[in-house]
């Protein structure tokens, strides 16, 4: 856990780590998943010094409920695909829907 974390975040980290282990993730992978999730929640609630745009504007993990997990994944969101298309400078991206963006990006 990062230094300066609250006891709530410590409990959250342990819970996520144990859940990941129960689903078959390695110890290292479980720790990574837990740390990333807790750090994102800390950023979202203003507990961290800096926060990425994705951390503050993406759907919170608590609401997502595993939507983008590897089992039964819906894949990246429209906003994530659009951001990648912008990064790659794909023309006409603003009028594309999710399926079109996926095709254009080769996803």
PDB file of N, CA and C in Angstrom:
ATOM      1  N   UNK A   1       0.835  -1.190   0.000  1.00  0.00           N
ATOM      2  CA  UNK A   1       0.000   0.000   0.000  1.00  0.00           C
ATOM      3  C   UNK A   1       0.878   1.250   0.000  1.00  0.00           C
ATOM      4  N   UNK A   2       0.440   2.295  -0.696  1.00  0.00           N
ATOM      5  CA  UNK A   2       1.196   3.540  -0.711  1.00  0.00           C
ATOM      6  C   UNK A   2       1.262   4.162   0.684  1.00  0.00           C
ATOM      7  N   UNK A   3       2.331   4.881   0.957  1.00  0.00           N
ATOM      8  CA  UNK A   3       2.482   5.555   2.246  1.00  0.00           C
ATOM      9  C   UNK A   3       1.385   6.601   2.402  1.00  0.00           C
ATOM     10  N   UNK A   4       0.887   6.735   3.620  1.00  0.00           N
ATOM     11  CA  UNK A   4      -0.120   7.746   3.890  1.00  0.00           C
ATOM     12  C   UNK A   4      -1.537   7.327   3.559  1.00  0.00           C
ATOM     13  N   UNK A   5      -1.767   6.034   3.346  1.00  0.00           N
ATOM     14  CA  UNK A   5      -3.111   5.565   3.021  1.00  0.00           C
ATOM     15  C   UNK A   5      -3.941   5.438   4.286  1.00  0.00           C
ATOM     16  N   UNK A   6      -5.228   5.626   4.158  1.00  0.00           N
ATOM     17  CA  UNK A   6      -6.128   5.503   5.304  1.00  0.00           C
ATOM     18  C   UNK A   6      -6.401   4.030   5.600  1.00  0.00           C
ATOM     19  N   UNK A   7      -6.949   3.764   6.774  1.00  0.00           N
ATOM     20  CA  UNK A   7      -7.267   2.377   7.132  1.00  0.00           C
ATOM     21  C   UNK A   7      -8.344   1.818   6.211  1.00  0.00           C
ATOM     22  N   UNK A   8      -9.233   2.682   5.727  1.00  0.00           N
ATOM     23  CA  UNK A   8     -10.262   2.240   4.785  1.00  0.00           C
ATOM     24  C   UNK A   8      -9.611   1.723   3.503  1.00  0.00           C
ATOM     25  N   UNK A   9      -8.634   2.464   2.993  1.00  0.00           N
ATOM     26  CA  UNK A   9      -7.953   2.050   1.763  1.00  0.00           C
ATOM     27  C   UNK A   9      -7.124   0.784   1.996  1.00  0.00           C
ATOM     28  N   UNK A  10      -6.576   0.623   3.196  1.00  0.00           N
ATOM     29  CA  UNK A  10      -5.838  -0.602   3.535  1.00  0.00           C
ATOM     30  C   UNK A  10      -6.775  -1.806   3.457  1.00  0.00           C
ATOM     31  N   UNK A  11      -7.970  -1.662   4.044  1.00  0.00           N
ATOM     32  CA  UNK A  11      -8.948  -2.754   4.019  1.00  0.00           C
ATOM     33  C   UNK A  11      -9.404  -3.035   2.585  1.00  0.00           C
ATOM     34  N   UNK A  12      -9.621  -1.974   1.833  1.00  0.00           N
ATOM     35  CA  UNK A  12     -10.046  -2.119   0.445  1.00  0.00           C
ATOM     36  C   UNK A  12      -8.981  -2.871  -0.363  1.00  0.00           C
ATOM     37  N   UNK A  13      -7.719  -2.499  -0.159  1.00  0.00           N
ATOM     38  CA  UNK A  13      -6.601  -3.144  -0.843  1.00  0.00           C
ATOM     39  C   UNK A  13      -6.588  -4.643  -0.532  1.00  0.00           C
ATOM     40  N   UNK A  14      -6.679  -5.006   0.755  1.00  0.00           N
ATOM     41  CA  UNK A  14      -6.655  -6.409   1.160  1.00  0.00           C
ATOM     42  C   UNK A  14      -7.833  -7.177   0.569  1.00  0.00           C
ATOM     43  N   UNK A  15      -9.010  -6.567   0.591  1.00  0.00           N
ATOM     44  CA  UNK A  15     -10.201  -7.223   0.045  1.00  0.00           C
ATOM     45  C   UNK A  15     -10.045  -7.496  -1.453  1.00  0.00           C
ATOM     46  N   UNK A  16      -9.578  -6.510  -2.192  1.00  0.00           N
ATOM     47  CA  UNK A  16      -9.406  -6.664  -3.641  1.00  0.00           C
ATOM     48  C   UNK A  16      -8.330  -7.703  -3.929  1.00  0.00           C
ATOM     49  N   UNK A  17      -7.247  -7.658  -3.175  1.00  0.00           N
ATOM     50  CA  UNK A  17      -6.155  -8.622  -3.371  1.00  0.00           C
ATOM     51  C   UNK A  17      -6.652 -10.047  -3.124  1.00  0.00           C
ATOM     52  N   UNK A  18      -7.381 -10.258  -2.042  1.00  0.00           N
ATOM     53  CA  UNK A  18      -7.902 -11.594  -1.730  1.00  0.00           C
ATOM     54  C   UNK A  18      -8.899 -12.065  -2.792  1.00  0.00           C
ATOM     55  N   UNK A  19      -9.754 -11.158  -3.256  1.00  0.00           N
ATOM     56  CA  UNK A  19     -10.724 -11.505  -4.296  1.00  0.00           C
ATOM     57  C   UNK A  19     -10.017 -11.925  -5.582  1.00  0.00           C
ATOM     58  N   UNK A  20      -8.966 -11.222  -5.918  1.00  0.00           N
ATOM     59  CA  UNK A  20      -8.197 -11.555  -7.124  1.00  0.00           C
ATOM     60  C   UNK A  20      -7.540 -12.925  -6.987  1.00  0.00           C
ATOM     61  N   UNK A  21      -6.996 -13.189  -5.807  1.00  0.00           N
ATOM     62  CA  UNK A  21      -6.364 -14.496  -5.552  1.00  0.00           C
ATOM     63  C   UNK A  21      -7.400 -15.612  -5.670  1.00  0.00           C
ATOM     64  N   UNK A  22      -8.610 -15.388  -5.152  1.00  0.00           N
ATOM     65  CA  UNK A  22      -9.676 -16.393  -5.234  1.00  0.00           C
ATOM     66  C   UNK A  22     -10.088 -16.664  -6.669  1.00  0.00           C
ATOM     67  N   UNK A  23      -9.968 -15.666  -7.521  1.00  0.00           N
ATOM     68  CA  UNK A  23     -10.312 -15.841  -8.938  1.00  0.00           C
ATOM     69  C   UNK A  23      -9.169 -16.434  -9.742  1.00  0.00           C
ATOM     70  N   UNK A  24      -8.040 -16.729  -9.063  1.00  0.00           N
ATOM     71  CA  UNK A  24      -6.949 -17.424  -9.735  1.00  0.00           C
ATOM     72  C   UNK A  24      -5.774 -16.575 -10.155  1.00  0.00           C
ATOM     73  N   UNK A  25      -5.740 -15.311  -9.796  1.00  0.00           N
ATOM     74  CA  UNK A  25      -4.609 -14.460 -10.152  1.00  0.00           C
ATOM     75  C   UNK A  25      -3.401 -14.815  -9.281  1.00  0.00           C
ATOM     76  N   UNK A  26      -2.218 -14.647  -9.817  1.00  0.00           N
ATOM     77  CA  UNK A  26      -1.005 -14.881  -9.031  1.00  0.00           C
ATOM     78  C   UNK A  26      -0.911 -13.827  -7.938  1.00  0.00           C
ATOM     79  N   UNK A  27      -0.077 -14.057  -6.952  1.00  0.00           N
ATOM     80  CA  UNK A  27       0.092 -13.103  -5.852  1.00  0.00           C
ATOM     81  C   UNK A  27       0.543 -11.741  -6.391  1.00  0.00           C
ATOM     82  N   UNK A  28       1.499 -11.766  -7.320  1.00  0.00           N
ATOM     83  CA  UNK A  28       2.021 -10.521  -7.891  1.00  0.00           C
ATOM     84  C   UNK A  28       0.920  -9.765  -8.649  1.00  0.00           C
ATOM     85  N   UNK A  29       0.148 -10.491  -9.462  1.00  0.00           N
ATOM     86  CA  UNK A  29      -0.921  -9.875 -10.244  1.00  0.00           C
ATOM     87  C   UNK A  29      -2.033  -9.346  -9.328  1.00  0.00           C
ATOM     88  N   UNK A  30      -2.350 -10.103  -8.265  1.00  0.00           N
ATOM     89  CA  UNK A  30      -3.384  -9.685  -7.318  1.00  0.00           C
ATOM     90  C   UNK A  30      -2.980  -8.382  -6.629  1.00  0.00           C
ATOM     91  N   UNK A  31      -1.710  -8.272  -6.258  1.00  0.00           N
ATOM     92  CA  UNK A  31      -1.218  -7.048  -5.615  1.00  0.00           C
ATOM     93  C   UNK A  31      -1.303  -5.870  -6.584  1.00  0.00           C
ATOM     94  N   UNK A  32      -0.956  -6.122  -7.848  1.00  0.00           N
ATOM     95  CA  UNK A  32      -0.994  -5.061  -8.857  1.00  0.00           C
ATOM     96  C   UNK A  32      -2.421  -4.566  -9.079  1.00  0.00           C
ATOM     97  N   UNK A  33      -3.357  -5.501  -9.215  1.00  0.00           N
ATOM     98  CA  UNK A  33      -4.757  -5.134  -9.426  1.00  0.00           C
ATOM     99  C   UNK A  33      -5.267  -4.317  -8.243  1.00  0.00           C
ATOM    100  N   UNK A  34      -4.971  -4.791  -7.024  1.00  0.00           N
ATOM    101  CA  UNK A  34      -5.436  -4.106  -5.818  1.00  0.00           C
ATOM    102  C   UNK A  34      -4.833  -2.705  -5.721  1.00  0.00           C
ATOM    103  N   UNK A  35      -3.539  -2.588  -5.967  1.00  0.00           N
ATOM    104  CA  UNK A  35      -2.878  -1.288  -5.865  1.00  0.00           C
ATOM    105  C   UNK A  35      -3.429  -0.303  -6.895  1.00  0.00           C
ATOM    106  N   UNK A  36      -3.605  -0.754  -8.119  1.00  0.00           N
ATOM    107  CA  UNK A  36      -4.129   0.130  -9.160  1.00  0.00           C
ATOM    108  C   UNK A  36      -5.550   0.590  -8.835  1.00  0.00           C
ATOM    109  N   UNK A  37      -6.366  -0.337  -8.371  1.00  0.00           N
ATOM    110  CA  UNK A  37      -7.744   0.011  -8.048  1.00  0.00           C
ATOM    111  C   UNK A  37      -7.811   1.012  -6.902  1.00  0.00           C
ATOM    112  N   UNK A  38      -7.060   0.739  -5.839  1.00  0.00           N
ATOM    113  CA  UNK A  38      -7.065   1.629  -4.678  1.00  0.00           C
ATOM    114  C   UNK A  38      -6.488   2.995  -5.051  1.00  0.00           C
ATOM    115  N   UNK A  39      -5.414   3.024  -5.814  1.00  0.00           N
ATOM    116  CA  UNK A  39      -4.830   4.305  -6.223  1.00  0.00           C
ATOM    117  C   UNK A  39      -5.808   5.115  -7.059  1.00  0.00           C
ATOM    118  N   UNK A  40      -6.563   4.437  -7.917  1.00  0.00           N
ATOM    119  CA  UNK A  40      -7.534   5.142  -8.741  1.00  0.00           C
ATOM    120  C   UNK A  40      -8.654   5.721  -7.872  1.00  0.00           C
ATOM    121  N   UNK A  41      -9.098   4.950  -6.893  1.00  0.00           N
ATOM    122  CA  UNK A  41     -10.134   5.446  -5.982  1.00  0.00           C
ATOM    123  C   UNK A  41      -9.608   6.621  -5.150  1.00  0.00           C
ATOM    124  N   UNK A  42      -8.349   6.543  -4.721  1.00  0.00           N
ATOM    125  CA  UNK A  42      -7.744   7.647  -3.968  1.00  0.00           C
ATOM    126  C   UNK A  42      -7.689   8.907  -4.832  1.00  0.00           C
ATOM    127  N   UNK A  43      -7.316   8.747  -6.093  1.00  0.00           N
ATOM    128  CA  UNK A  43      -7.240   9.896  -7.003  1.00  0.00           C
ATOM    129  C   UNK A  43      -8.619  10.492  -7.232  1.00  0.00           C
ATOM    130  N   UNK A  44      -9.607   9.625  -7.407  1.00  0.00           N
ATOM    131  CA  UNK A  44     -10.972  10.072  -7.667  1.00  0.00           C
ATOM    132  C   UNK A  44     -11.539  10.873  -6.492  1.00  0.00           C
ATOM    133  N   UNK A  45     -11.189  10.466  -5.275  1.00  0.00           N
ATOM    134  CA  UNK A  45     -11.739  11.145  -4.093  1.00  0.00           C
ATOM    135  C   UNK A  45     -10.846  12.275  -3.581  1.00  0.00           C
ATOM    136  N   UNK A  46      -9.757  12.577  -4.312  1.00  0.00           N
ATOM    137  CA  UNK A  46      -8.902  13.697  -3.943  1.00  0.00           C
ATOM    138  C   UNK A  46      -7.904  13.394  -2.837  1.00  0.00           C
ATOM    139  N   UNK A  47      -7.641  12.119  -2.567  1.00  0.00           N
ATOM    140  CA  UNK A  47      -6.711  11.735  -1.510  1.00  0.00           C
ATOM    141  C   UNK A  47      -5.259  11.704  -1.978  1.00  0.00           C
ATOM    142  N   UNK A  48      -5.026  11.742  -3.284  1.00  0.00           N
ATOM    143  CA  UNK A  48      -3.651  11.684  -3.789  1.00  0.00           C
ATOM    144  C   UNK A  48      -3.218  13.069  -4.281  1.00  0.00           C
ATOM    145  N   UNK A  49      -1.911  13.258  -4.368  1.00  0.00           N
ATOM    146  CA  UNK A  49      -1.378  14.561  -4.772  1.00  0.00           C
ATOM    147  C   UNK A  49      -1.645  14.854  -6.241  1.00  0.00           C
ATOM    148  N   UNK A  50      -1.566  13.826  -7.077  1.00  0.00           N
ATOM    149  CA  UNK A  50      -1.810  14.014  -8.504  1.00  0.00           C
ATOM    150  C   UNK A  50      -2.754  12.925  -8.991  1.00  0.00           C
ATOM    151  N   UNK A  51      -3.447  13.215 -10.078  1.00  0.00           N
ATOM    152  CA  UNK A  51      -4.395  12.251 -10.635  1.00  0.00           C
ATOM    153  C   UNK A  51      -4.429  12.401 -12.147  1.00  0.00           C
ATOM    154  N   UNK A  52      -4.433  11.267 -12.835  1.00  0.00           N
ATOM    155  CA  UNK A  52      -4.529  11.320 -14.293  1.00  0.00           C
ATOM    156  C   UNK A  52      -5.969  11.645 -14.688  1.00  0.00           C
ATOM    157  N   UNK A  53      -6.133  12.088 -15.892  1.00  0.00           N
ATOM    158  CA  UNK A  53      -7.460  12.429 -16.392  1.00  0.00           C
ATOM    159  C   UNK A  53      -8.362  11.199 -16.395  1.00  0.00           C
ATOM    160  N   UNK A  54      -7.788  10.042 -16.752  1.00  0.00           N
ATOM    161  CA  UNK A  54      -8.547   8.805 -16.781  1.00  0.00           C
ATOM    162  C   UNK A  54      -9.037   8.432 -15.390  1.00  0.00           C
ATOM    163  N   UNK A  55      -8.193   8.630 -14.387  1.00  0.00           N
ATOM    164  CA  UNK A  55      -8.576   8.282 -13.021  1.00  0.00           C
ATOM    165  C   UNK A  55      -9.771   9.077 -12.539  1.00  0.00           C
ATOM    166  N   UNK A  56      -9.856  10.323 -12.946  1.00  0.00           N
ATOM    167  CA  UNK A  56     -10.929  11.162 -12.437  1.00  0.00           C
ATOM    168  C   UNK A  56     -12.167  11.169 -13.313  1.00  0.00           C
ATOM    169  N   UNK A  57     -12.057  10.816 -14.600  1.00  0.00           N
ATOM    170  CA  UNK A  57     -13.207  10.927 -15.494  1.00  0.00           C
ATOM    171  C   UNK A  57     -13.765   9.593 -15.965  1.00  0.00           C
ATOM    172  N   UNK A  58     -13.033   8.509 -15.799  1.00  0.00           N
ATOM    173  CA  UNK A  58     -13.507   7.197 -16.221  1.00  0.00           C
ATOM    174  C   UNK A  58     -14.555   6.688 -15.238  1.00  0.00           C
ATOM    175  N   UNK A  59     -15.331   5.699 -15.638  1.00  0.00           N
ATOM    176  CA  UNK A  59     -16.314   5.088 -14.755  1.00  0.00           C
ATOM    177  C   UNK A  59     -15.602   4.458 -13.566  1.00  0.00           C
ATOM    178  N   UNK A  60     -16.055   4.731 -12.344  1.00  0.00           N
ATOM    179  CA  UNK A  60     -15.385   4.160 -11.172  1.00  0.00           C
ATOM    180  C   UNK A  60     -15.474   2.631 -11.165  1.00  0.00           C
ATOM    181  N   UNK A  61     -14.448   2.001 -10.646  1.00  0.00           N
ATOM    182  CA  UNK A  61     -14.413   0.546 -10.608  1.00  0.00           C
ATOM    183  C   UNK A  61     -15.578  -0.014  -9.807  1.00  0.00           C
ATOM    184  N   UNK A  62     -16.031   0.700  -8.786  1.00  0.00           N
ATOM    185  CA  UNK A  62     -17.147   0.225  -7.975  1.00  0.00           C
ATOM    186  C   UNK A  62     -18.445   0.171  -8.781  1.00  0.00           C
ATOM    187  N   UNK A  63     -18.605   1.065  -9.739  1.00  0.00           N
ATOM    188  CA  UNK A  63     -19.804   1.063 -10.579  1.00  0.00           C
ATOM    189  C   UNK A  63     -19.655   0.115 -11.775  1.00  0.00           C
ATOM    190  N   UNK A  64     -18.426  -0.042 -12.248  1.00  0.00           N
ATOM    191  CA  UNK A  64     -18.163  -0.867 -13.423  1.00  0.00           C
ATOM    192  C   UNK A  64     -18.424  -2.331 -13.139  1.00  0.00           C
ATOM    193  N   UNK A  65     -18.086  -2.785 -11.955  1.00  0.00           N
ATOM    194  CA  UNK A  65     -18.382  -4.154 -11.548  1.00  0.00           C
ATOM    195  C   UNK A  65     -17.801  -5.217 -12.449  1.00  0.00           C
ATOM    196  N   UNK A  66     -16.576  -5.068 -12.881  1.00  0.00           N
ATOM    197  CA  UNK A  66     -15.923  -6.094 -13.696  1.00  0.00           C
ATOM    198  C   UNK A  66     -16.295  -6.069 -15.160  1.00  0.00           C
ATOM    199  N   UNK A  67     -16.949  -5.018 -15.617  1.00  0.00           N
ATOM    200  CA  UNK A  67     -17.350  -4.940 -17.023  1.00  0.00           C
ATOM    201  C   UNK A  67     -16.180  -5.154 -17.970  1.00  0.00           C
ATOM    202  N   UNK A  68     -15.026  -4.623 -17.603  1.00  0.00           N
ATOM    203  CA  UNK A  68     -13.881  -4.726 -18.502  1.00  0.00           C
ATOM    204  C   UNK A  68     -12.877  -5.773 -18.049  1.00  0.00           C
ATOM    205  N   UNK A  69     -13.317  -6.675 -17.184  1.00  0.00           N
ATOM    206  CA  UNK A  69     -12.406  -7.739 -16.765  1.00  0.00           C
ATOM    207  C   UNK A  69     -12.206  -8.695 -17.931  1.00  0.00           C
ATOM    208  N   UNK A  70     -11.217  -9.531 -17.851  1.00  0.00           N
ATOM    209  CA  UNK A  70     -10.901 -10.406 -18.979  1.00  0.00           C
ATOM    210  C   UNK A  70     -11.987 -11.424 -19.274  1.00  0.00           C
ATOM    211  N   UNK A  71     -12.732 -11.832 -18.263  1.00  0.00           N
ATOM    212  CA  UNK A  71     -13.800 -12.796 -18.508  1.00  0.00           C
ATOM    213  C   UNK A  71     -15.082 -12.041 -18.838  1.00  0.00           C
ATOM    214  N   UNK A  72     -15.564 -12.204 -20.056  1.00  0.00           N
ATOM    215  CA  UNK A  72     -16.794 -11.551 -20.459  1.00  0.00           C
ATOM    216  C   UNK A  72     -16.637 -10.067 -20.730  1.00  0.00           C
ATOM    217  N   UNK A  73     -15.481  -9.669 -21.160  1.00  0.00           N
ATOM    218  CA  UNK A  73     -15.196  -8.251 -21.367  1.00  0.00           C
ATOM    219  C   UNK A  73     -15.964  -7.693 -22.554  1.00  0.00           C
ATOM    220  N   UNK A  74     -16.388  -6.458 -22.402  1.00  0.00           N
ATOM    221  CA  UNK A  74     -17.016  -5.730 -23.499  1.00  0.00           C
ATOM    222  C   UNK A  74     -15.969  -4.993 -24.317  1.00  0.00           C
ATOM    223  N   UNK A  75     -14.731  -5.049 -23.871  1.00  0.00           N
ATOM    224  CA  UNK A  75     -13.657  -4.346 -24.543  1.00  0.00           C
ATOM    225  C   UNK A  75     -13.578  -2.917 -24.066  1.00  0.00           C
ATOM    226  N   UNK A  76     -12.745  -2.103 -24.721  1.00  0.00           N
ATOM    227  CA  UNK A  76     -12.586  -0.710 -24.310  1.00  0.00           C
ATOM    228  C   UNK A  76     -13.870   0.088 -24.546  1.00  0.00           C
ATOM    229  N   UNK A  77     -14.040   1.142 -23.785  1.00  0.00           N
ATOM    230  CA  UNK A  77     -15.215   1.999 -23.944  1.00  0.00           C
ATOM    231  C   UNK A  77     -15.069   2.869 -25.192  1.00  0.00           C
ATOM    232  N   UNK A  78     -16.180   3.483 -25.581  1.00  0.00           N
ATOM    233  CA  UNK A  78     -16.159   4.391 -26.725  1.00  0.00           C
ATOM    234  C   UNK A  78     -15.155   5.517 -26.473  1.00  0.00           C
ATOM    235  N   UNK A  79     -15.175   6.073 -25.252  1.00  0.00           N
ATOM    236  CA  UNK A  79     -14.266   7.180 -24.933  1.00  0.00           C
ATOM    237  C   UNK A  79     -12.808   6.764 -25.032  1.00  0.00           C
ATOM    238  N   UNK A  80     -12.496   5.535 -24.606  1.00  0.00           N
ATOM    239  CA  UNK A  80     -11.121   5.049 -24.702  1.00  0.00           C
ATOM    240  C   UNK A  80     -10.718   4.859 -26.160  1.00  0.00           C
ATOM    241  N   UNK A  81     -11.624   4.314 -26.968  1.00  0.00           N
ATOM    242  CA  UNK A  81     -11.342   4.137 -28.398  1.00  0.00           C
ATOM    243  C   UNK A  81     -11.161   5.498 -29.085  1.00  0.00           C
ATOM    244  N   UNK A  82     -12.025   6.440 -28.738  1.00  0.00           N
ATOM    245  CA  UNK A  82     -11.937   7.768 -29.333  1.00  0.00           C
ATOM    246  C   UNK A  82     -10.610   8.440 -28.981  1.00  0.00           C
ATOM    247  N   UNK A  83     -10.185   8.288 -27.733  1.00  0.00           N
ATOM    248  CA  UNK A  83      -8.915   8.880 -27.299  1.00  0.00           C
ATOM    249  C   UNK A  83      -7.743   8.282 -28.071  1.00  0.00           C
ATOM    250  N   UNK A  84      -7.800   6.975 -28.292  1.00  0.00           N
ATOM    251  CA  UNK A  84      -6.725   6.334 -29.055  1.00  0.00           C
ATOM    252  C   UNK A  84      -6.753   6.788 -30.514  1.00  0.00           C
ATOM    253  N   UNK A  85      -7.953   6.926 -31.089  1.00  0.00           N
ATOM    254  CA  UNK A  85      -8.074   7.400 -32.471  1.00  0.00           C
ATOM    255  C   UNK A  85      -7.525   8.821 -32.593  1.00  0.00           C
ATOM    256  N   UNK A  86      -7.776   9.646 -31.580  1.00  0.00           N
ATOM    257  CA  UNK A  86      -7.243  11.009 -31.594  1.00  0.00           C
ATOM    258  C   UNK A  86      -5.725  10.983 -31.523  1.00  0.00           C
ATOM    259  N   UNK A  87      -5.199  10.074 -30.669  1.00  0.00           N
ATOM    260  CA  UNK A  87      -3.744   9.958 -30.522  1.00  0.00           C
ATOM    261  C   UNK A  87      -3.103   9.530 -31.840  1.00  0.00           C
ATOM    262  N   UNK A  88      -3.788   8.647 -32.576  1.00  0.00           N
ATOM    263  CA  UNK A  88      -3.272   8.168 -33.868  1.00  0.00           C
ATOM    264  C   UNK A  88      -3.645   9.085 -35.027  1.00  0.00           C
ATOM    265  N   UNK A  89      -4.363  10.164 -34.731  1.00  0.00           N
ATOM    266  CA  UNK A  89      -4.775  11.159 -35.726  1.00  0.00           C
ATOM    267  C   UNK A  89      -5.598  10.535 -36.853  1.00  0.00           C
ATOM    268  N   UNK A  90      -6.614   9.747 -36.474  1.00  0.00           N
ATOM    269  CA  UNK A  90      -7.502   9.125 -37.454  1.00  0.00           C
ATOM    270  C   UNK A  90      -8.582  10.131 -37.832  1.00  0.00           C
ATOM    271  N   UNK A  91      -8.668  10.438 -39.108  1.00  0.00           N
ATOM    272  CA  UNK A  91      -9.617  11.438 -39.591  1.00  0.00           C
ATOM    273  C   UNK A  91     -11.025  10.853 -39.640  1.00  0.00           C
ATOM    274  N   UNK A  92     -12.018  11.677 -39.340  1.00  0.00           N
ATOM    275  CA  UNK A  92     -13.413  11.267 -39.351  1.00  0.00           C
ATOM    276  C   UNK A  92     -13.849  10.580 -38.074  1.00  0.00           C
ATOM    277  N   UNK A  93     -12.999  10.574 -37.051  1.00  0.00           N
ATOM    278  CA  UNK A  93     -13.302   9.851 -35.810  1.00  0.00           C
ATOM    279  C   UNK A  93     -14.523  10.406 -35.086  1.00  0.00           C
ATOM    280  N   UNK A  94     -14.783  11.704 -35.221  1.00  0.00           N
ATOM    281  CA  UNK A  94     -15.888  12.310 -34.470  1.00  0.00           C
ATOM    282  C   UNK A  94     -17.252  11.810 -34.940  1.00  0.00           C
ATOM    283  N   UNK A  95     -17.338  11.348 -36.168  1.00  0.00           N
ATOM    284  CA  UNK A  95     -18.625  10.854 -36.664  1.00  0.00           C
ATOM    285  C   UNK A  95     -18.728   9.330 -36.611  1.00  0.00           C
ATOM    286  N   UNK A  96     -17.715   8.659 -36.061  1.00  0.00           N
ATOM    287  CA  UNK A  96     -17.718   7.194 -35.983  1.00  0.00           C
ATOM    288  C   UNK A  96     -18.381   6.718 -34.699  1.00  0.00           C
ATOM    289  N   UNK A  97     -19.046   5.557 -34.795  1.00  0.00           N
ATOM    290  CA  UNK A  97     -19.576   4.926 -33.583  1.00  0.00           C
ATOM    291  C   UNK A  97     -18.527   3.954 -33.041  1.00  0.00           C
ATOM    292  N   UNK A  98     -18.855   3.257 -31.965  1.00  0.00           N
ATOM    293  CA  UNK A  98     -17.885   2.384 -31.308  1.00  0.00           C
ATOM    294  C   UNK A  98     -17.379   1.281 -32.255  1.00  0.00           C
ATOM    295  N   UNK A  99     -18.283   0.647 -32.971  1.00  0.00           N
ATOM    296  CA  UNK A  99     -17.895  -0.440 -33.874  1.00  0.00           C
ATOM    297  C   UNK A  99     -16.960   0.056 -34.973  1.00  0.00           C
ATOM    298  N   UNK A 100     -17.242   1.243 -35.515  1.00  0.00           N
ATOM    299  CA  UNK A 100     -16.413   1.814 -36.565  1.00  0.00           C
ATOM    300  C   UNK A 100     -15.012   2.162 -36.028  1.00  0.00           C
ATOM    301  N   UNK A 101     -14.973   2.720 -34.814  1.00  0.00           N
ATOM    302  CA  UNK A 101     -13.683   3.033 -34.206  1.00  0.00           C
ATOM    303  C   UNK A 101     -12.878   1.747 -33.979  1.00  0.00           C
ATOM    304  N   UNK A 102     -13.548   0.691 -33.509  1.00  0.00           N
ATOM    305  CA  UNK A 102     -12.854  -0.583 -33.297  1.00  0.00           C
ATOM    306  C   UNK A 102     -12.265  -1.109 -34.594  1.00  0.00           C
ATOM    307  N   UNK A 103     -13.054  -1.048 -35.673  1.00  0.00           N
ATOM    308  CA  UNK A 103     -12.556  -1.515 -36.976  1.00  0.00           C
ATOM    309  C   UNK A 103     -11.372  -0.695 -37.433  1.00  0.00           C
ATOM    310  N   UNK A 104     -11.484   0.618 -37.327  1.00  0.00           N
ATOM    311  CA  UNK A 104     -10.424   1.515 -37.792  1.00  0.00           C
ATOM    312  C   UNK A 104      -9.122   1.325 -36.987  1.00  0.00           C
ATOM    313  N   UNK A 105      -9.278   1.030 -35.668  1.00  0.00           N
ATOM    314  CA  UNK A 105      -8.126   0.841 -34.815  1.00  0.00           C
ATOM    315  C   UNK A 105      -7.613  -0.597 -34.833  1.00  0.00           C
ATOM    316  N   UNK A 106      -8.363  -1.494 -35.467  1.00  0.00           N
ATOM    317  CA  UNK A 106      -7.952  -2.889 -35.535  1.00  0.00           C
ATOM    318  C   UNK A 106      -8.144  -3.624 -34.218  1.00  0.00           C
ATOM    319  N   UNK A 107      -9.178  -3.290 -33.484  1.00  0.00           N
ATOM    320  CA  UNK A 107      -9.449  -3.916 -32.174  1.00  0.00           C
ATOM    321  C   UNK A 107     -10.429  -5.042 -32.296  1.00  0.00           C
TER     322      UNK A 107
END
